[in-house]
Protein backbone atom coordinates (compact mmCIF):
# COMPACT_ATOMS: atom_id res chain seq x y z
CA MET A 1 2.79 259.35 148.94
CA ILE A 2 6.78 259.98 148.43
CA CYS A 3 6.97 257.46 152.10
CA PHE A 4 5.32 255.10 150.33
CA LEU A 5 7.73 255.08 146.87
CA GLN A 6 10.76 255.23 148.77
CA ASN A 7 9.36 251.89 151.20
CA SER A 8 8.51 250.61 147.69
CA LEU A 9 12.19 251.36 146.47
CA ARG A 10 13.78 249.21 149.31
CA SER A 11 11.63 246.64 148.80
CA ALA A 12 12.38 246.30 145.34
CA GLN A 13 15.89 246.59 145.95
CA LEU A 14 15.94 244.17 148.78
CA SER A 15 14.54 241.25 146.42
CA VAL A 16 16.96 242.38 143.57
CA ALA A 17 19.06 241.61 146.20
CA LEU A 18 17.42 238.33 147.30
CA VAL A 19 17.05 236.93 143.87
CA GLY A 20 20.95 237.96 143.32
CA ALA A 21 22.25 236.18 145.95
CA LEU A 22 19.80 233.05 145.39
CA LEU A 23 21.62 232.91 141.89
CA GLY A 24 25.12 233.30 142.79
CA GLY A 25 24.26 230.43 145.93
CA LEU A 26 22.80 228.38 142.54
CA GLY A 27 25.40 229.11 140.73
CA THR A 28 27.57 228.01 143.37
CA LEU A 29 26.02 224.66 144.08
CA ALA A 30 26.29 223.92 140.28
CA HIS A 31 30.00 224.90 140.86
CA ALA A 32 30.28 222.56 143.43
CA GLU A 33 28.20 219.76 142.21
CA PHE A 34 31.22 218.67 139.10
CA PRO A 35 30.60 216.60 137.25
CA GLU A 36 27.07 217.13 136.20
CA ARG A 37 27.24 214.11 133.94
CA ALA A 38 29.40 211.92 132.52
CA VAL A 39 33.48 212.12 132.41
CA THR A 40 35.09 211.17 129.05
CA ILE A 41 38.69 209.78 129.03
CA VAL A 42 39.47 210.67 125.45
CA VAL A 43 42.06 207.78 124.28
CA PRO A 44 44.53 208.49 121.76
CA TYR A 45 45.17 204.77 120.86
CA PRO A 46 43.67 201.86 119.66
CA VAL A 47 41.39 199.19 122.05
CA GLY A 48 43.50 197.31 124.35
CA GLY A 49 46.20 198.40 124.43
CA ALA A 50 48.62 199.17 127.42
CA THR A 51 47.45 203.26 127.68
CA ASP A 52 43.85 201.65 126.75
CA THR A 53 44.01 199.96 130.08
CA LEU A 54 45.48 202.33 131.59
CA SER A 55 42.59 204.74 131.29
CA ARG A 56 40.14 202.26 132.14
CA LEU A 57 41.72 201.71 134.89
CA ALA A 58 42.00 205.19 136.38
CA GLY A 59 39.24 205.80 135.23
CA THR A 60 37.68 203.27 137.06
CA LYS A 61 38.37 204.00 140.28
CA MET A 62 38.31 207.57 139.84
CA GLY A 63 34.72 206.95 139.14
CA GLU A 64 34.41 205.42 142.58
CA VAL A 65 36.27 207.63 144.32
CA MET A 66 33.81 210.77 143.07
CA GLY A 67 30.86 208.93 142.76
CA ALA A 68 30.57 209.14 138.90
CA SER A 69 30.87 207.57 135.70
CA PHE A 70 33.84 207.69 133.63
CA VAL A 71 33.55 206.47 130.06
CA VAL A 72 36.77 205.96 127.64
CA GLU A 73 36.48 206.97 124.29
CA ASN A 74 39.45 205.96 121.62
CA ARG A 75 40.85 207.91 118.87
CA SER A 76 43.37 206.57 117.60
CA GLY A 77 45.96 208.01 114.83
CA GLY A 78 48.58 210.62 113.72
CA SER A 79 50.85 209.68 117.19
CA GLY A 80 47.81 210.82 119.35
CA MET A 81 47.15 214.03 117.68
CA ILE A 82 43.86 213.13 116.05
CA GLY A 83 42.33 212.62 120.03
CA LEU A 84 44.01 215.84 120.51
CA ASN A 85 42.48 217.81 118.13
CA ALA A 86 39.27 215.99 118.64
CA VAL A 87 39.40 217.76 122.51
CA ALA A 88 40.56 221.05 121.23
CA HIS A 89 36.94 221.45 119.93
CA LEU A 90 35.04 220.79 123.37
CA PRO A 91 34.11 222.98 126.05
CA ALA A 92 36.76 223.18 128.27
CA ASP A 93 34.69 222.79 131.49
CA GLY A 94 36.81 219.87 132.36
CA HIS A 95 33.61 216.81 131.15
CA THR A 96 36.58 215.36 128.88
CA MET A 97 40.06 214.98 129.98
CA VAL A 98 42.82 213.14 127.18
CA LEU A 99 45.33 210.51 128.10
CA GLY A 100 48.78 212.66 126.72
CA SER A 101 51.70 209.57 125.73
CA VAL A 102 54.25 213.22 126.49
CA ALA A 103 57.06 211.41 124.86
CA ASP A 104 54.80 210.53 121.51
CA ILE A 105 53.45 213.68 121.23
CA ALA A 106 56.39 215.55 121.78
CA ILE A 107 58.48 213.86 119.37
CA PHE A 108 55.69 214.27 116.57
CA THR A 109 55.80 217.96 117.28
CA ALA A 110 59.61 218.57 117.38
CA ALA A 111 59.73 216.24 113.73
CA SER A 112 56.46 217.60 111.70
CA PRO A 113 57.68 219.89 108.65
CA THR A 114 54.33 222.19 110.18
CA ALA A 115 53.33 222.89 113.52
CA PRO A 116 50.73 220.45 114.64
CA ALA A 117 47.80 222.41 114.76
CA VAL A 118 47.31 221.62 118.53
CA ASN A 119 49.76 223.52 120.79
CA PHE A 120 50.01 220.72 123.66
CA VAL A 121 52.05 222.53 126.16
CA LYS A 122 49.85 225.74 125.76
CA ASP A 123 46.68 224.66 124.74
CA PHE A 124 46.38 221.90 127.12
CA SER A 125 46.71 221.78 131.44
CA ALA A 126 47.34 218.66 133.34
CA VAL A 127 44.95 217.05 135.40
CA GLY A 128 47.98 214.79 137.03
CA GLY A 129 50.63 211.94 136.33
CA ILE A 130 49.51 208.90 136.19
CA ALA A 131 52.58 206.76 135.52
CA ALA A 132 55.95 206.20 133.57
CA ALA A 133 56.23 203.31 131.43
CA PRO A 134 59.96 202.50 130.76
CA HIS A 135 61.29 200.74 127.57
CA ILE A 136 63.24 197.58 127.50
CA LEU A 137 65.99 197.10 125.71
CA VAL A 138 66.02 193.34 123.60
CA VAL A 139 68.94 191.86 121.41
CA PRO A 140 68.37 188.80 120.31
CA SER A 141 69.70 185.82 121.65
CA THR A 142 72.05 184.88 119.30
CA LEU A 143 73.91 187.75 119.60
CA ALA A 144 76.51 187.16 122.17
CA ALA A 145 76.32 190.03 124.30
CA GLN A 146 75.36 188.67 127.92
CA SER A 147 75.20 192.44 129.25
CA MET A 148 75.16 196.41 128.01
CA GLU A 149 78.79 196.06 128.89
CA GLN A 150 79.13 193.53 126.49
CA LEU A 151 76.48 195.09 124.21
CA ILE A 152 78.66 198.99 123.83
CA ALA A 153 81.80 195.99 123.31
CA LEU A 154 80.36 194.43 120.38
CA LEU A 155 78.98 197.95 118.75
CA LYS A 156 82.26 199.30 119.18
CA LYS A 157 84.26 196.63 117.80
CA ALA A 158 82.63 197.44 114.34
CA PRO A 159 80.82 200.74 114.07
CA GLY A 160 78.03 200.81 111.18
CA LYS A 161 77.70 197.17 110.89
CA HIS A 162 74.89 196.89 113.22
CA ASN A 163 71.25 197.80 113.13
CA PHE A 164 68.89 199.06 115.87
CA ALA A 165 64.86 198.44 115.03
CA SER A 166 62.21 200.90 115.80
CA ILE A 167 58.26 200.46 115.47
CA GLY A 168 58.72 203.74 112.41
CA VAL A 169 60.64 207.15 112.14
CA GLY A 170 60.18 209.97 114.63
CA THR A 171 59.06 206.57 117.46
CA LEU A 172 59.98 206.66 120.98
CA SER A 173 61.52 203.42 120.16
CA HIS A 174 63.47 205.23 116.96
CA LEU A 175 64.78 208.13 119.59
CA GLU A 176 66.11 205.75 121.52
CA GLY A 177 68.22 204.22 119.49
CA ASN A 178 69.79 208.01 118.71
CA LEU A 179 69.85 208.41 122.54
CA LEU A 180 72.03 205.96 122.92
CA MET A 181 74.26 206.76 120.14
CA GLN A 182 74.73 209.95 121.72
CA THR A 183 75.22 208.79 125.51
CA THR A 184 77.92 205.96 124.51
CA GLY A 185 79.45 206.81 121.01
CA VAL A 186 78.63 203.41 119.55
CA ASP A 187 77.87 204.09 115.34
CA ILE A 188 74.88 201.70 114.50
CA VAL A 189 72.21 202.56 111.77
CA HIS A 190 68.44 202.69 112.19
CA VAL A 191 65.99 200.46 110.25
CA PRO A 192 62.85 201.31 110.94
CA TYR A 193 59.57 198.99 110.12
CA ARG A 194 55.76 199.48 109.75
CA GLY A 195 54.56 198.76 113.14
CA GLY A 196 55.93 196.91 116.03
CA ALA A 197 55.25 193.09 114.78
CA GLN A 198 57.33 193.66 111.81
CA ALA A 199 59.94 194.81 113.92
CA LEU A 200 59.74 192.28 116.71
CA GLN A 201 59.27 189.32 114.13
CA GLU A 202 62.99 191.18 112.55
CA LEU A 203 64.71 191.08 115.91
CA SER A 204 64.00 187.47 116.70
CA MET A 205 64.93 186.13 113.44
CA GLY A 206 68.79 188.45 114.05
CA ASN A 207 67.94 190.69 111.21
CA SER A 208 68.56 193.69 114.55
CA SER A 209 70.82 194.03 116.45
CA LEU A 210 69.11 195.30 119.51
CA MET A 211 65.08 197.47 119.56
CA PHE A 212 63.52 199.04 122.83
CA LEU A 213 60.36 198.32 123.21
CA SER A 214 57.58 198.08 125.76
CA GLY A 215 57.82 195.52 128.89
CA PRO A 216 54.73 193.27 128.25
CA ASN A 217 55.90 193.44 124.85
CA ALA A 218 60.08 192.46 125.85
CA ILE A 219 58.27 189.34 128.04
CA LEU A 220 56.28 187.59 125.24
CA LEU A 221 59.61 187.39 123.10
CA LEU A 222 61.40 186.31 126.07
CA SER A 223 59.06 183.68 127.07
CA SER A 224 60.00 182.74 123.22
CA GLY A 225 63.64 181.86 124.13
CA LYS A 226 64.52 184.00 120.74
CA VAL A 227 65.69 187.24 122.58
CA ARG A 228 67.94 188.32 125.41
CA ILE A 229 67.24 191.45 128.00
CA LEU A 230 69.63 193.47 128.88
CA ALA A 231 68.21 197.04 130.60
CA ALA A 232 65.07 199.20 131.41
CA ALA A 233 65.50 202.35 130.60
CA ALA A 234 64.26 203.48 133.90
CA ASN A 235 65.12 205.24 137.20
CA GLN A 236 64.19 201.82 138.84
CA ARG A 237 63.79 198.41 138.57
CA LEU A 238 60.20 197.31 137.01
CA ALA A 239 57.91 194.86 139.44
CA MET A 240 57.53 193.11 136.49
CA LEU A 241 61.05 192.32 135.82
CA PRO A 242 62.53 192.92 138.68
CA THR A 243 66.38 191.17 137.66
CA VAL A 244 66.54 193.62 134.59
CA PRO A 245 69.15 196.43 135.90
CA THR A 246 68.61 199.66 134.64
CA PHE A 247 70.93 201.82 132.51
CA THR A 248 72.34 203.73 134.91
CA GLU A 249 73.00 200.21 137.10
CA SER A 250 74.79 198.98 133.79
CA GLY A 251 77.33 202.04 133.43
CA ILE A 252 75.45 203.78 130.62
CA LYS A 253 75.49 207.76 132.10
CA GLY A 254 73.23 210.29 131.15
CA PHE A 255 70.90 207.59 129.30
CA ASN A 256 67.44 209.37 130.33
CA ALA A 257 64.15 208.18 127.70
CA PRO A 258 61.15 209.21 129.98
CA ASN A 259 57.98 207.71 129.27
CA ARG A 260 55.41 209.55 131.04
CA PHE A 261 51.49 208.62 130.68
CA GLY A 262 49.03 211.79 132.61
CA PHE A 263 45.31 213.36 132.15
CA PHE A 264 44.91 217.02 130.11
CA VAL A 265 42.24 219.10 129.72
CA LEU A 266 41.63 221.89 128.05
CA LYS A 267 43.31 225.34 129.20
CA GLY A 268 40.44 227.78 130.51
CA THR A 269 39.16 224.71 132.10
CA PRO A 270 37.63 225.83 135.89
CA LEU A 271 40.67 224.72 138.72
CA SER A 272 37.72 223.16 140.88
CA ALA A 273 37.04 220.86 138.35
CA ILE A 274 40.71 220.16 137.71
CA GLU A 275 41.28 220.20 141.55
CA LYS A 276 38.73 217.97 141.38
CA LEU A 277 40.03 215.35 138.98
CA SER A 278 43.22 215.85 140.46
CA SER A 279 42.40 214.51 143.98
CA ALA A 280 40.62 212.07 142.58
CA LEU A 281 43.69 210.63 140.77
CA ALA A 282 45.46 210.70 143.57
CA GLN A 283 42.87 208.42 145.61
CA ALA A 284 43.08 206.14 143.08
CA LEU A 285 46.29 205.57 142.21
CA GLU A 286 46.59 204.86 146.14
CA SER A 287 44.81 201.42 145.68
CA THR A 288 47.07 198.27 145.53
CA ASP A 289 44.83 197.04 143.19
CA LEU A 290 44.88 199.44 140.44
CA ARG A 291 49.08 200.12 141.36
CA SER A 292 49.23 196.05 140.84
CA ARG A 293 47.20 196.27 137.56
CA LEU A 294 49.51 198.78 135.92
CA GLU A 295 52.73 197.13 137.30
CA ASN A 296 52.24 194.30 135.71
CA GLN A 297 51.61 196.33 132.32
CA GLY A 298 55.19 197.06 133.02
CA MET A 299 54.47 200.77 134.77
CA ILE A 300 55.94 202.84 137.62
CA PRO A 301 52.34 203.49 138.84
CA GLN A 302 53.96 207.25 140.02
CA TYR A 303 51.41 210.33 140.63
CA VAL A 304 51.92 213.82 140.18
CA ASN A 305 50.28 216.64 141.00
CA ALA A 306 48.84 219.28 138.21
CA SER A 307 51.29 221.66 139.04
CA ASP A 308 54.37 219.89 138.78
CA TYR A 309 53.12 217.35 135.58
CA ASN A 310 53.13 220.76 133.66
CA ARG A 311 56.26 221.61 134.80
CA GLU A 312 57.34 218.01 133.68
CA THR A 313 55.89 217.96 130.52
CA ALA A 314 57.07 221.06 129.46
CA GLU A 315 60.68 220.00 130.32
CA ASP A 316 59.91 216.53 128.70
CA PHE A 317 59.33 218.41 125.22
CA GLN A 318 62.65 221.02 125.94
CA PHE A 319 64.52 217.37 126.12
CA PHE A 320 63.09 215.67 122.64
CA ASN A 321 63.07 218.44 121.02
CA ASP A 322 66.26 218.82 121.75
CA ILE A 323 67.13 215.22 120.58
CA VAL A 324 65.13 215.49 117.56
CA LYS A 325 67.48 218.13 116.20
CA LYS A 326 70.48 216.86 117.24
CA SER A 327 69.44 213.87 115.25
CA LYS A 328 67.89 216.05 112.11
CA ILE A 329 64.81 213.43 112.36
CA ARG A 330 62.30 214.71 110.32
CA LEU A 331 58.80 213.19 109.65
CA GLU A 332 57.46 212.89 105.73
């Protein structure tokens, strides 16, 4: 009888072990099969813009690499914070990524009178960097400055008499104007407008002396013959503007306004999911077609792995926080 019970106990233990091993195997299998459904890319900007295009192009290529579906969902507003808040309340399982414009989020965070509900650096983890989107400095064609050297000389001759346009207080175009003053010693007046259309119109009419804006918008204005492009705020020349020098090439030292874009997921997302997404992003950016299309949007394609991009993001947050505080910029 005792022998029978011992055998039964051994059989039961073996069954439990087998079931445990089976369940463990199934768990491993399920983990390895990420993604289990479509991956959503939340873009915190309107449909049709450069960031929207960037996400759709990258998502399509990543889907091809992974054999999975990627869909884009636009949640615009609040300097990107509406989209971030939406993602912050979803499961941290890797099935939702957000496109992060690090400069916009960092500036908003530093200039806000109250701390945003989402702490981007602490609440999100990088999947990887995609591209940089440097801004271009343009002046009206009526301005007597053919180069950055001539522009700085012109501005220094008349301190406080020239202004720079921006698309609003606390935007990157605003910060870049302040950074130009800090790095060159010029004294220019900030004139914020309600969005890019009005700012560009005033610039082209000669009512502003200079403005920082995206490459594609600069190209559109250039074709009108109403503006002149002087320099790119980049560490290398842009493919779409190969004859335009960088600030460093123009003799402006210390001017650096990184405008990086990348994908992020919530902290707590399984490392295996992040690694799979990051690997797919790296492979996607090897595509000549994708790189060419990003360059045509005024971007510099550059993959940065998750670890390095987390570090760069933290550095950018500190960088923009310092400029905001030094410039005493405050959002109302």
